[in-house]
Amino acid sequence: MTGHTNTRLADLFGLAGWSKGELARLVNRQAAAMGHPQLATDTSRVRRWIDRGETPRDPVPRVLAALFTERLGRVVTIEDLGFVRHGRSGKRQ
């Protein structure tokens, strides 16, 4: 899904009402709270996820799902965000 807008993420991002910079800061803060203090997301990376459809590495999809779930008051899954889970073998499920 690279090169095309991630419409699922874009739609939820619009509903959440964050700026790209706000989301980047929230991802960093939430990742640290989840035991990943080394994660460093910035505005340009958020833009690539939304506008170019890039899939972030773990643990970012889980962090995003937690943030959107909290913000929107309903369960938001990794799939809801337009990301595909990979199994242990790395193959798409």
N, C-alpha and C. Protein backbone atom coordinates (compact mmCIF):
# COMPACT_ATOMS: atom_id res chain seq x y z
N MET A 1 0.83 -1.19 0.00
CA MET A 1 0.00 0.00 0.00
C MET A 1 0.87 1.25 0.00
N THR A 2 2.01 1.22 -0.63
CA THR A 2 2.91 2.37 -0.64
C THR A 2 2.62 3.23 -1.86
N GLY A 3 2.67 4.55 -1.67
CA GLY A 3 2.48 5.47 -2.76
C GLY A 3 1.09 6.04 -2.88
N HIS A 4 0.14 5.49 -2.16
CA HIS A 4 -1.24 5.95 -2.21
C HIS A 4 -1.71 6.35 -0.82
N THR A 5 -2.60 7.30 -0.77
CA THR A 5 -3.14 7.74 0.51
C THR A 5 -3.76 6.58 1.27
N ASN A 6 -3.46 6.51 2.55
CA ASN A 6 -4.11 5.54 3.43
C ASN A 6 -5.42 6.20 3.86
N THR A 7 -6.48 5.93 3.12
CA THR A 7 -7.75 6.60 3.36
C THR A 7 -8.35 6.24 4.71
N ARG A 8 -8.12 5.02 5.17
CA ARG A 8 -8.66 4.64 6.49
C ARG A 8 -8.01 5.48 7.58
N LEU A 9 -6.68 5.57 7.53
CA LEU A 9 -5.97 6.38 8.52
C LEU A 9 -6.33 7.85 8.37
N ALA A 10 -6.42 8.33 7.14
CA ALA A 10 -6.76 9.73 6.90
C ALA A 10 -8.14 10.07 7.47
N ASP A 11 -9.10 9.18 7.28
CA ASP A 11 -10.46 9.43 7.80
C ASP A 11 -10.47 9.49 9.32
N LEU A 12 -9.79 8.53 9.96
CA LEU A 12 -9.76 8.52 11.43
C LEU A 12 -8.96 9.70 11.97
N PHE A 13 -7.90 10.07 11.27
CA PHE A 13 -7.09 11.23 11.65
C PHE A 13 -7.96 12.49 11.62
N GLY A 14 -8.79 12.62 10.60
CA GLY A 14 -9.70 13.76 10.51
C GLY A 14 -10.70 13.78 11.64
N LEU A 15 -11.24 12.61 11.99
CA LEU A 15 -12.19 12.52 13.10
C LEU A 15 -11.54 12.88 14.44
N ALA A 16 -10.29 12.49 14.59
CA ALA A 16 -9.59 12.73 15.86
C ALA A 16 -9.28 14.21 16.07
N GLY A 17 -9.09 14.95 14.99
CA GLY A 17 -8.86 16.38 15.11
C GLY A 17 -7.46 16.79 15.52
N TRP A 18 -6.50 15.90 15.40
CA TRP A 18 -5.12 16.23 15.73
C TRP A 18 -4.42 16.87 14.53
N SER A 19 -3.35 17.60 14.80
CA SER A 19 -2.44 17.99 13.73
C SER A 19 -1.43 16.85 13.59
N LYS A 20 -0.69 16.83 12.50
CA LYS A 20 0.32 15.78 12.33
C LYS A 20 1.39 15.87 13.41
N GLY A 21 1.75 17.09 13.79
CA GLY A 21 2.72 17.27 14.86
C GLY A 21 2.21 16.76 16.20
N GLU A 22 0.94 17.02 16.48
CA GLU A 22 0.35 16.51 17.73
C GLU A 22 0.37 14.99 17.76
N LEU A 23 -0.01 14.37 16.64
CA LEU A 23 -0.02 12.91 16.60
C LEU A 23 1.39 12.36 16.78
N ALA A 24 2.38 12.97 16.17
CA ALA A 24 3.76 12.51 16.33
C ALA A 24 4.17 12.57 17.80
N ARG A 25 3.88 13.66 18.48
CA ARG A 25 4.23 13.79 19.90
C ARG A 25 3.49 12.76 20.74
N LEU A 26 2.21 12.54 20.43
CA LEU A 26 1.43 11.55 21.17
C LEU A 26 1.97 10.14 20.96
N VAL A 27 2.37 9.82 19.74
CA VAL A 27 2.95 8.50 19.46
C VAL A 27 4.20 8.30 20.30
N ASN A 28 5.08 9.30 20.33
CA ASN A 28 6.31 9.18 21.11
C ASN A 28 6.01 8.98 22.59
N ARG A 29 5.09 9.76 23.11
CA ARG A 29 4.73 9.67 24.53
C ARG A 29 4.10 8.31 24.86
N GLN A 30 3.15 7.87 24.03
CA GLN A 30 2.47 6.59 24.26
C GLN A 30 3.43 5.42 24.10
N ALA A 31 4.32 5.50 23.12
CA ALA A 31 5.29 4.42 22.92
C ALA A 31 6.19 4.29 24.14
N ALA A 32 6.63 5.41 24.69
CA ALA A 32 7.46 5.37 25.90
C ALA A 32 6.69 4.74 27.05
N ALA A 33 5.42 5.08 27.18
CA ALA A 33 4.58 4.51 28.25
C ALA A 33 4.39 3.01 28.06
N MET A 34 4.48 2.55 26.81
CA MET A 34 4.31 1.13 26.51
C MET A 34 5.64 0.37 26.50
N GLY A 35 6.71 1.05 26.95
CA GLY A 35 8.01 0.39 27.04
C GLY A 35 8.92 0.54 25.84
N HIS A 36 8.66 1.53 25.00
CA HIS A 36 9.47 1.76 23.80
C HIS A 36 9.97 3.21 23.77
N PRO A 37 10.82 3.60 24.73
CA PRO A 37 11.27 5.00 24.81
C PRO A 37 12.18 5.42 23.66
N GLN A 38 12.73 4.47 22.92
CA GLN A 38 13.64 4.78 21.82
C GLN A 38 12.90 5.27 20.57
N LEU A 39 11.60 5.11 20.52
CA LEU A 39 10.83 5.48 19.33
C LEU A 39 10.83 6.99 19.16
N ALA A 40 11.11 7.45 17.96
CA ALA A 40 11.15 8.89 17.68
C ALA A 40 10.41 9.18 16.38
N THR A 41 9.15 9.51 16.51
CA THR A 41 8.30 9.83 15.36
C THR A 41 8.25 11.34 15.18
N ASP A 42 8.20 11.80 13.93
CA ASP A 42 8.07 13.22 13.67
C ASP A 42 6.95 13.48 12.66
N THR A 43 6.70 14.74 12.40
CA THR A 43 5.61 15.15 11.52
C THR A 43 5.74 14.55 10.12
N SER A 44 6.96 14.53 9.59
CA SER A 44 7.13 14.00 8.22
C SER A 44 6.82 12.51 8.16
N ARG A 45 7.11 11.79 9.22
CA ARG A 45 6.79 10.36 9.24
C ARG A 45 5.27 10.15 9.26
N VAL A 46 4.56 10.95 10.07
CA VAL A 46 3.10 10.87 10.12
C VAL A 46 2.52 11.18 8.74
N ARG A 47 3.08 12.17 8.08
CA ARG A 47 2.63 12.53 6.73
C ARG A 47 2.80 11.35 5.78
N ARG A 48 3.93 10.64 5.88
CA ARG A 48 4.15 9.49 4.99
C ARG A 48 3.15 8.37 5.26
N TRP A 49 2.80 8.16 6.52
CA TRP A 49 1.80 7.12 6.84
C TRP A 49 0.47 7.44 6.19
N ILE A 50 0.08 8.72 6.27
CA ILE A 50 -1.24 9.13 5.78
C ILE A 50 -1.23 9.34 4.27
N ASP A 51 -0.33 10.19 3.79
CA ASP A 51 -0.35 10.62 2.39
C ASP A 51 0.27 9.62 1.42
N ARG A 52 1.23 8.83 1.88
CA ARG A 52 1.91 7.88 0.98
C ARG A 52 1.58 6.43 1.29
N GLY A 53 0.80 6.21 2.34
CA GLY A 53 0.40 4.85 2.67
C GLY A 53 1.50 3.96 3.20
N GLU A 54 2.58 4.57 3.73
CA GLU A 54 3.64 3.75 4.31
C GLU A 54 3.15 3.10 5.59
N THR A 55 3.58 1.87 5.81
CA THR A 55 3.22 1.15 7.03
C THR A 55 4.35 1.29 8.03
N PRO A 56 4.06 1.84 9.21
CA PRO A 56 5.11 1.98 10.22
C PRO A 56 5.50 0.63 10.81
N ARG A 57 6.71 0.57 11.33
CA ARG A 57 7.19 -0.65 11.99
C ARG A 57 6.56 -0.78 13.36
N ASP A 58 6.58 -2.02 13.86
CA ASP A 58 6.14 -2.26 15.24
C ASP A 58 7.05 -1.48 16.18
N PRO A 59 6.52 -0.92 17.20
CA PRO A 59 5.19 -1.08 17.78
C PRO A 59 4.21 0.01 17.35
N VAL A 60 4.58 0.81 16.35
CA VAL A 60 3.78 2.00 16.01
C VAL A 60 2.32 1.68 15.68
N PRO A 61 2.00 0.66 14.88
CA PRO A 61 0.58 0.40 14.62
C PRO A 61 -0.22 0.16 15.91
N ARG A 62 0.37 -0.57 16.86
CA ARG A 62 -0.32 -0.81 18.14
C ARG A 62 -0.48 0.48 18.94
N VAL A 63 0.55 1.32 18.89
CA VAL A 63 0.50 2.61 19.59
C VAL A 63 -0.60 3.47 18.98
N LEU A 64 -0.65 3.53 17.66
CA LEU A 64 -1.69 4.31 16.98
C LEU A 64 -3.09 3.79 17.32
N ALA A 65 -3.25 2.48 17.31
CA ALA A 65 -4.56 1.90 17.64
C ALA A 65 -4.98 2.31 19.05
N ALA A 66 -4.05 2.29 19.99
CA ALA A 66 -4.37 2.70 21.37
C ALA A 66 -4.75 4.17 21.44
N LEU A 67 -4.02 5.01 20.73
CA LEU A 67 -4.31 6.45 20.75
C LEU A 67 -5.67 6.76 20.13
N PHE A 68 -5.95 6.17 18.97
CA PHE A 68 -7.24 6.43 18.31
C PHE A 68 -8.40 5.84 19.11
N THR A 69 -8.19 4.70 19.74
CA THR A 69 -9.22 4.10 20.59
C THR A 69 -9.58 5.05 21.72
N GLU A 70 -8.56 5.59 22.37
CA GLU A 70 -8.80 6.52 23.48
C GLU A 70 -9.48 7.80 23.00
N ARG A 71 -8.99 8.35 21.91
CA ARG A 71 -9.50 9.63 21.41
C ARG A 71 -10.95 9.53 20.91
N LEU A 72 -11.25 8.46 20.19
CA LEU A 72 -12.56 8.33 19.56
C LEU A 72 -13.59 7.63 20.44
N GLY A 73 -13.15 7.04 21.54
CA GLY A 73 -14.08 6.41 22.47
C GLY A 73 -14.69 5.12 21.95
N ARG A 74 -13.97 4.46 21.05
CA ARG A 74 -14.40 3.16 20.52
C ARG A 74 -13.16 2.39 20.14
N VAL A 75 -13.29 1.09 20.04
CA VAL A 75 -12.13 0.27 19.70
C VAL A 75 -11.72 0.53 18.25
N VAL A 76 -10.45 0.87 18.06
CA VAL A 76 -9.88 1.05 16.74
C VAL A 76 -8.75 0.03 16.61
N THR A 77 -8.85 -0.84 15.62
CA THR A 77 -7.85 -1.88 15.41
C THR A 77 -6.78 -1.42 14.43
N ILE A 78 -5.72 -2.21 14.36
CA ILE A 78 -4.67 -1.94 13.39
C ILE A 78 -5.25 -1.98 11.97
N GLU A 79 -6.14 -2.91 11.73
CA GLU A 79 -6.77 -3.02 10.41
C GLU A 79 -7.65 -1.80 10.13
N ASP A 80 -8.33 -1.28 11.16
CA ASP A 80 -9.14 -0.07 10.98
C ASP A 80 -8.29 1.10 10.51
N LEU A 81 -7.02 1.09 10.90
CA LEU A 81 -6.09 2.15 10.53
C LEU A 81 -5.51 1.96 9.12
N GLY A 82 -5.90 0.85 8.47
CA GLY A 82 -5.42 0.60 7.12
C GLY A 82 -4.10 -0.13 7.05
N PHE A 83 -3.66 -0.69 8.18
CA PHE A 83 -2.42 -1.46 8.21
C PHE A 83 -2.75 -2.94 8.24
N VAL A 84 -1.90 -3.76 7.62
CA VAL A 84 -2.10 -5.20 7.57
C VAL A 84 -1.18 -5.84 8.59
N ARG A 85 -1.75 -6.72 9.39
CA ARG A 85 -0.92 -7.47 10.35
C ARG A 85 -0.12 -8.52 9.61
N HIS A 86 1.06 -8.79 10.13
CA HIS A 86 1.90 -9.85 9.59
C HIS A 86 2.02 -10.94 10.63
N GLY A 87 1.97 -12.20 10.18
CA GLY A 87 2.14 -13.33 11.09
C GLY A 87 3.60 -13.52 11.44
N ARG A 88 3.88 -14.57 12.18
CA ARG A 88 5.26 -14.85 12.59
C ARG A 88 6.19 -15.04 11.41
N SER A 89 5.69 -15.60 10.34
CA SER A 89 6.53 -15.86 9.17
C SER A 89 6.75 -14.61 8.34
N GLY A 90 6.06 -13.52 8.68
CA GLY A 90 6.19 -12.29 7.92
C GLY A 90 5.25 -12.21 6.74
N LYS A 91 4.48 -13.28 6.53
CA LYS A 91 3.52 -13.27 5.42
C LYS A 91 2.27 -12.52 5.83
N ARG A 92 1.66 -11.88 4.87
CA ARG A 92 0.41 -11.16 5.15
C ARG A 92 -0.67 -12.15 5.48
N GLN A 93 -1.48 -11.78 6.47
CA GLN A 93 -2.59 -12.65 6.86
C GLN A 93 -3.87 -12.14 6.28
